[in-house]
Amino acid sequence: MSQMTEKIPYDRVCDFFNSENIETIAYSDKLNILMVRFTNATEYRYYDVPIEVWSSVVSAGSVGRAFNTYVSRSDFRYERIDI
């Protein structure tokens, strides 16, 4: 995992004020990149993520549980981003 700081233009952004761990999830339609910013101020980018995964996570009753199911337990390439 490398640490990139390149700015990505995200088309879809959702902030979660009721989540204990996830602050923001964003998605780039053009690049198929999912960005997750956690409440502990860490940020990760996940690559080659289908839009259906983003939709499933942000529409779930429990965003954290859906993130674990659809993203963190999958084989998406990811990297931690310095913010």
C-alpha atoms as a PDB file:
ATOM      1  CA  MET A   1       0.000   0.000   0.000  1.00  0.00           C
ATOM      2  CA  SER A   2       1.418   3.343  -0.993  1.00  0.00           C
ATOM      3  CA  GLN A   3       0.249   6.693   0.240  1.00  0.00           C
ATOM      4  CA  MET A   4      -1.039   8.930  -2.565  1.00  0.00           C
ATOM      5  CA  THR A   5      -2.318  12.462  -2.249  1.00  0.00           C
ATOM      6  CA  GLU A   6      -3.629  13.005  -5.785  1.00  0.00           C
ATOM      7  CA  LYS A   7      -6.982  14.776  -5.691  1.00  0.00           C
ATOM      8  CA  ILE A   8      -9.815  12.737  -7.165  1.00  0.00           C
ATOM      9  CA  PRO A   9     -13.014  14.411  -8.400  1.00  0.00           C
ATOM     10  CA  TYR A  10     -15.798  12.479  -6.682  1.00  0.00           C
ATOM     11  CA  ASP A  11     -19.246  12.494  -8.292  1.00  0.00           C
ATOM     12  CA  ARG A  12     -21.134  11.047  -5.325  1.00  0.00           C
ATOM     13  CA  VAL A  13     -20.550  11.918  -1.676  1.00  0.00           C
ATOM     14  CA  CYS A  14     -22.411  10.798   1.431  1.00  0.00           C
ATOM     15  CA  ASP A  15     -21.670  11.957   4.960  1.00  0.00           C
ATOM     16  CA  PHE A  16     -22.733   9.748   7.852  1.00  0.00           C
ATOM     17  CA  PHE A  17     -23.388  11.585  11.093  1.00  0.00           C
ATOM     18  CA  ASN A  18     -24.754   8.551  12.947  1.00  0.00           C
ATOM     19  CA  SER A  19     -21.948   6.109  12.167  1.00  0.00           C
ATOM     20  CA  GLU A  20     -19.433   5.319  14.884  1.00  0.00           C
ATOM     21  CA  ASN A  21     -16.640   4.569  12.400  1.00  0.00           C
ATOM     22  CA  ILE A  22     -17.408   5.983   8.948  1.00  0.00           C
ATOM     23  CA  GLU A  23     -17.540   9.719   8.367  1.00  0.00           C
ATOM     24  CA  THR A  24     -17.777   9.959   4.551  1.00  0.00           C
ATOM     25  CA  ILE A  25     -18.032   7.679   1.550  1.00  0.00           C
ATOM     26  CA  ALA A  26     -17.447   9.082  -1.937  1.00  0.00           C
ATOM     27  CA  TYR A  27     -17.366   7.566  -5.416  1.00  0.00           C
ATOM     28  CA  SER A  28     -15.826   8.552  -8.742  1.00  0.00           C
ATOM     29  CA  ASP A  29     -17.999   7.402 -11.643  1.00  0.00           C
ATOM     30  CA  LYS A  30     -15.221   7.934 -14.175  1.00  0.00           C
ATOM     31  CA  LEU A  31     -12.474   6.144 -12.226  1.00  0.00           C
ATOM     32  CA  ASN A  32     -14.533   3.589 -10.252  1.00  0.00           C
ATOM     33  CA  ILE A  33     -12.796   4.660  -7.063  1.00  0.00           C
ATOM     34  CA  LEU A  34     -14.497   4.412  -3.694  1.00  0.00           C
ATOM     35  CA  MET A  35     -13.128   6.661  -0.948  1.00  0.00           C
ATOM     36  CA  VAL A  36     -13.874   6.032   2.719  1.00  0.00           C
ATOM     37  CA  ARG A  37     -12.967   8.513   5.447  1.00  0.00           C
ATOM     38  CA  PHE A  38     -13.205   7.109   8.935  1.00  0.00           C
ATOM     39  CA  THR A  39     -13.998   9.028  12.109  1.00  0.00           C
ATOM     40  CA  ASN A  40     -10.412   8.473  13.296  1.00  0.00           C
ATOM     41  CA  ALA A  41      -9.224  10.729  10.409  1.00  0.00           C
ATOM     42  CA  THR A  42      -7.899   7.942   8.198  1.00  0.00           C
ATOM     43  CA  GLU A  43      -8.866   7.763   4.549  1.00  0.00           C
ATOM     44  CA  TYR A  44      -8.675   4.882   2.095  1.00  0.00           C
ATOM     45  CA  ARG A  45      -9.242   4.552  -1.638  1.00  0.00           C
ATOM     46  CA  TYR A  46     -10.548   1.322  -3.099  1.00  0.00           C
ATOM     47  CA  TYR A  47     -10.000   0.761  -6.830  1.00  0.00           C
ATOM     48  CA  ASP A  48     -12.145  -0.846  -9.539  1.00  0.00           C
ATOM     49  CA  VAL A  49     -15.237  -0.816  -7.363  1.00  0.00           C
ATOM     50  CA  PRO A  50     -18.545  -1.186  -9.258  1.00  0.00           C
ATOM     51  CA  ILE A  51     -21.146   1.530  -8.688  1.00  0.00           C
ATOM     52  CA  GLU A  52     -23.502  -1.140  -7.301  1.00  0.00           C
ATOM     53  CA  VAL A  53     -21.157  -1.622  -4.343  1.00  0.00           C
ATOM     54  CA  TRP A  54     -21.253   2.103  -3.525  1.00  0.00           C
ATOM     55  CA  SER A  55     -25.045   2.077  -3.808  1.00  0.00           C
ATOM     56  CA  SER A  56     -25.367  -0.969  -1.558  1.00  0.00           C
ATOM     57  CA  VAL A  57     -23.163   0.532   1.140  1.00  0.00           C
ATOM     58  CA  VAL A  58     -24.686   4.010   1.296  1.00  0.00           C
ATOM     59  CA  SER A  59     -28.273   2.731   1.231  1.00  0.00           C
ATOM     60  CA  ALA A  60     -27.787   0.102   3.939  1.00  0.00           C
ATOM     61  CA  GLY A  61     -29.336   0.335   7.374  1.00  0.00           C
ATOM     62  CA  SER A  62     -25.877  -0.131   8.871  1.00  0.00           C
ATOM     63  CA  VAL A  63     -23.211   1.561   6.771  1.00  0.00           C
ATOM     64  CA  GLY A  64     -20.376   0.006   8.760  1.00  0.00           C
ATOM     65  CA  ARG A  65     -21.722  -3.505   8.410  1.00  0.00           C
ATOM     66  CA  ALA A  66     -22.353  -3.020   4.677  1.00  0.00           C
ATOM     67  CA  PHE A  67     -18.851  -1.590   4.202  1.00  0.00           C
ATOM     68  CA  ASN A  68     -17.369  -4.653   5.907  1.00  0.00           C
ATOM     69  CA  THR A  69     -19.479  -7.020   3.817  1.00  0.00           C
ATOM     70  CA  TYR A  70     -19.115  -5.396   0.385  1.00  0.00           C
ATOM     71  CA  VAL A  71     -15.743  -3.645   0.544  1.00  0.00           C
ATOM     72  CA  SER A  72     -13.304  -4.548   3.309  1.00  0.00           C
ATOM     73  CA  ARG A  73     -13.854  -8.302   2.951  1.00  0.00           C
ATOM     74  CA  SER A  74     -13.485  -8.131  -0.833  1.00  0.00           C
ATOM     75  CA  ASP A  75     -10.376  -8.229  -2.966  1.00  0.00           C
ATOM     76  CA  PHE A  76     -10.425  -4.593  -4.076  1.00  0.00           C
ATOM     77  CA  ARG A  77      -6.992  -3.029  -4.325  1.00  0.00           C
ATOM     78  CA  TYR A  78      -6.737  -0.207  -1.814  1.00  0.00           C
ATOM     79  CA  GLU A  79      -4.368   2.323  -0.318  1.00  0.00           C
ATOM     80  CA  ARG A  80      -4.325   4.597   2.681  1.00  0.00           C
ATOM     81  CA  ILE A  81      -4.285   8.277   1.804  1.00  0.00           C
ATOM     82  CA  ASP A  82      -2.603  10.990   3.836  1.00  0.00           C
ATOM     83  CA  ILE A  83      -5.081  13.780   4.412  1.00  0.00           C
END
